[in-house]
Amino acid sequence: MLRRTRDRRGNSKLPRLIDYVLTRPLVSSAMVEKELRVTTRGALNLVGELGLREITGRGRYRAWGIV
């Protein structure tokens, strides 16, 4: 996972997202928004860049985890 942070800016929130995901079995976009203080779209973009697996299978209320 840390390989994805190599060519990123120094103030990227992706490393913080990795730490947060490793401490929780399941994360939602609202949880990521609160923890990292980003917008909904920003949270979805970060999760997309990280390549987490979607667990819920729903379109609106999605949750991700490491499988």
N, C-alpha and C. Protein backbone atom coordinates (compact mmCIF):
# COMPACT_ATOMS: atom_id res chain seq x y z
N MET A 1 0.81 -1.19 0.00
CA MET A 1 0.00 0.00 0.00
C MET A 1 0.86 1.26 0.00
N LEU A 2 1.96 1.21 0.72
CA LEU A 2 2.79 2.41 0.77
C LEU A 2 3.46 2.72 -0.56
N ARG A 3 3.55 1.74 -1.44
CA ARG A 3 4.12 2.00 -2.77
C ARG A 3 3.27 2.99 -3.55
N ARG A 4 2.00 3.04 -3.27
CA ARG A 4 1.11 3.97 -3.98
C ARG A 4 1.34 5.42 -3.57
N THR A 5 2.05 5.63 -2.49
CA THR A 5 2.29 6.99 -2.01
C THR A 5 3.61 7.56 -2.49
N ARG A 6 4.37 6.82 -3.26
CA ARG A 6 5.71 7.27 -3.64
C ARG A 6 5.74 8.60 -4.37
N ASP A 7 5.12 8.71 -5.49
CA ASP A 7 5.22 9.92 -6.30
C ASP A 7 4.08 10.88 -6.01
N ARG A 8 3.78 11.06 -4.76
CA ARG A 8 2.70 11.96 -4.33
C ARG A 8 3.31 13.20 -3.69
N ARG A 9 2.50 14.20 -3.55
CA ARG A 9 2.95 15.42 -2.89
C ARG A 9 3.16 15.17 -1.40
N GLY A 10 3.92 16.01 -0.77
CA GLY A 10 4.21 15.85 0.64
C GLY A 10 3.01 16.04 1.54
N ASN A 11 2.03 16.83 1.08
CA ASN A 11 0.85 17.07 1.90
C ASN A 11 -0.33 16.19 1.50
N SER A 12 -0.06 15.10 0.81
CA SER A 12 -1.12 14.17 0.40
C SER A 12 -1.74 13.50 1.62
N LYS A 13 -3.02 13.26 1.55
CA LYS A 13 -3.73 12.61 2.66
C LYS A 13 -3.81 11.11 2.48
N LEU A 14 -3.24 10.59 1.42
CA LEU A 14 -3.27 9.16 1.17
C LEU A 14 -2.55 8.35 2.26
N PRO A 15 -1.37 8.76 2.74
CA PRO A 15 -0.75 8.00 3.84
C PRO A 15 -1.61 7.97 5.10
N ARG A 16 -2.29 9.07 5.39
CA ARG A 16 -3.18 9.09 6.56
C ARG A 16 -4.36 8.15 6.36
N LEU A 17 -4.84 8.05 5.11
CA LEU A 17 -5.93 7.13 4.82
C LEU A 17 -5.48 5.69 5.02
N ILE A 18 -4.27 5.37 4.63
CA ILE A 18 -3.74 4.02 4.81
C ILE A 18 -3.69 3.67 6.29
N ASP A 19 -3.19 4.58 7.11
CA ASP A 19 -3.14 4.34 8.55
C ASP A 19 -4.54 4.14 9.13
N TYR A 20 -5.49 4.93 8.66
CA TYR A 20 -6.85 4.84 9.16
C TYR A 20 -7.51 3.53 8.76
N VAL A 21 -7.31 3.12 7.53
CA VAL A 21 -7.92 1.87 7.04
C VAL A 21 -7.34 0.67 7.76
N LEU A 22 -6.06 0.71 8.10
CA LEU A 22 -5.44 -0.42 8.79
C LEU A 22 -5.93 -0.56 10.23
N THR A 23 -6.45 0.50 10.81
CA THR A 23 -6.95 0.42 12.18
C THR A 23 -8.42 0.05 12.26
N ARG A 24 -9.14 0.08 11.14
CA ARG A 24 -10.57 -0.22 11.11
C ARG A 24 -10.83 -1.37 10.15
N PRO A 25 -11.75 -2.28 10.49
CA PRO A 25 -12.07 -3.36 9.58
C PRO A 25 -12.94 -2.91 8.41
N LEU A 26 -13.65 -1.80 8.59
CA LEU A 26 -14.61 -1.32 7.59
C LEU A 26 -14.63 0.20 7.66
N VAL A 27 -14.54 0.87 6.51
CA VAL A 27 -14.62 2.33 6.48
C VAL A 27 -15.64 2.76 5.45
N SER A 28 -16.34 3.84 5.75
CA SER A 28 -17.28 4.42 4.80
C SER A 28 -16.75 5.78 4.37
N SER A 29 -17.37 6.37 3.37
CA SER A 29 -16.90 7.68 2.92
C SER A 29 -17.12 8.74 3.99
N ALA A 30 -18.19 8.63 4.77
CA ALA A 30 -18.43 9.59 5.85
C ALA A 30 -17.35 9.50 6.91
N MET A 31 -16.91 8.30 7.21
CA MET A 31 -15.84 8.12 8.20
C MET A 31 -14.54 8.74 7.69
N VAL A 32 -14.24 8.53 6.41
CA VAL A 32 -13.03 9.09 5.82
C VAL A 32 -13.12 10.62 5.79
N GLU A 33 -14.28 11.15 5.47
CA GLU A 33 -14.48 12.61 5.46
C GLU A 33 -14.17 13.22 6.81
N LYS A 34 -14.71 12.64 7.87
CA LYS A 34 -14.50 13.18 9.21
C LYS A 34 -13.04 13.07 9.64
N GLU A 35 -12.45 11.92 9.40
CA GLU A 35 -11.09 11.68 9.87
C GLU A 35 -10.07 12.54 9.13
N LEU A 36 -10.18 12.63 7.81
CA LEU A 36 -9.19 13.35 7.00
C LEU A 36 -9.58 14.78 6.69
N ARG A 37 -10.83 15.16 7.04
CA ARG A 37 -11.35 16.50 6.75
C ARG A 37 -11.27 16.83 5.28
N VAL A 38 -11.91 15.98 4.48
CA VAL A 38 -12.01 16.19 3.03
C VAL A 38 -13.49 16.17 2.65
N THR A 39 -13.77 16.51 1.40
CA THR A 39 -15.14 16.47 0.90
C THR A 39 -15.53 15.04 0.57
N THR A 40 -16.78 14.85 0.26
CA THR A 40 -17.26 13.52 -0.11
C THR A 40 -16.55 13.03 -1.36
N ARG A 41 -16.45 13.89 -2.35
CA ARG A 41 -15.78 13.52 -3.60
C ARG A 41 -14.30 13.23 -3.34
N GLY A 42 -13.66 14.01 -2.47
CA GLY A 42 -12.26 13.77 -2.14
C GLY A 42 -12.06 12.43 -1.47
N ALA A 43 -12.98 12.06 -0.58
CA ALA A 43 -12.90 10.76 0.08
C ALA A 43 -13.04 9.63 -0.92
N LEU A 44 -13.99 9.76 -1.84
CA LEU A 44 -14.18 8.72 -2.85
C LEU A 44 -12.97 8.61 -3.78
N ASN A 45 -12.37 9.74 -4.11
CA ASN A 45 -11.18 9.72 -4.97
C ASN A 45 -10.00 9.04 -4.26
N LEU A 46 -9.81 9.35 -2.97
CA LEU A 46 -8.72 8.72 -2.22
C LEU A 46 -8.91 7.22 -2.11
N VAL A 47 -10.13 6.80 -1.83
CA VAL A 47 -10.40 5.36 -1.73
C VAL A 47 -10.18 4.70 -3.08
N GLY A 48 -10.56 5.37 -4.15
CA GLY A 48 -10.34 4.82 -5.49
C GLY A 48 -8.87 4.68 -5.83
N GLU A 49 -8.06 5.65 -5.43
CA GLU A 49 -6.63 5.59 -5.69
C GLU A 49 -5.96 4.49 -4.87
N LEU A 50 -6.48 4.23 -3.71
CA LEU A 50 -5.89 3.22 -2.85
C LEU A 50 -6.25 1.81 -3.32
N GLY A 51 -7.36 1.69 -4.00
CA GLY A 51 -7.75 0.38 -4.53
C GLY A 51 -8.33 -0.55 -3.50
N LEU A 52 -9.10 -0.02 -2.56
CA LEU A 52 -9.73 -0.86 -1.55
C LEU A 52 -10.89 -1.63 -2.15
N ARG A 53 -11.21 -2.75 -1.55
CA ARG A 53 -12.31 -3.58 -2.03
C ARG A 53 -13.61 -3.14 -1.37
N GLU A 54 -14.64 -2.97 -2.21
CA GLU A 54 -15.95 -2.59 -1.68
C GLU A 54 -16.60 -3.81 -1.06
N ILE A 55 -17.10 -3.65 0.14
CA ILE A 55 -17.66 -4.77 0.89
C ILE A 55 -19.18 -4.82 0.78
N THR A 56 -19.83 -3.67 0.75
CA THR A 56 -21.29 -3.64 0.84
C THR A 56 -21.99 -4.02 -0.44
N GLY A 57 -21.45 -3.66 -1.58
CA GLY A 57 -22.11 -3.95 -2.85
C GLY A 57 -23.25 -3.01 -3.16
N ARG A 58 -23.32 -1.91 -2.46
CA ARG A 58 -24.39 -0.94 -2.69
C ARG A 58 -23.80 0.27 -3.39
N GLY A 59 -24.63 1.00 -4.08
CA GLY A 59 -24.16 2.18 -4.77
C GLY A 59 -24.09 3.41 -3.90
N ARG A 60 -25.09 3.60 -3.06
CA ARG A 60 -25.17 4.84 -2.30
C ARG A 60 -24.42 4.78 -0.98
N TYR A 61 -24.63 3.77 -0.21
CA TYR A 61 -23.99 3.65 1.10
C TYR A 61 -22.89 2.60 1.00
N ARG A 62 -21.77 3.00 0.45
CA ARG A 62 -20.68 2.06 0.26
C ARG A 62 -19.76 2.02 1.45
N ALA A 63 -19.13 0.87 1.63
CA ALA A 63 -18.11 0.72 2.67
C ALA A 63 -16.99 -0.14 2.08
N TRP A 64 -15.78 0.13 2.51
CA TRP A 64 -14.61 -0.56 1.98
C TRP A 64 -13.82 -1.19 3.10
N GLY A 65 -13.02 -2.16 2.74
CA GLY A 65 -12.15 -2.82 3.70
C GLY A 65 -10.99 -3.49 3.00
N ILE A 66 -10.09 -4.01 3.77
CA ILE A 66 -8.94 -4.73 3.23
C ILE A 66 -9.25 -6.21 3.33
N VAL A 67 -9.21 -6.89 2.20
CA VAL A 67 -9.52 -8.31 2.18
C VAL A 67 -8.28 -9.08 1.79
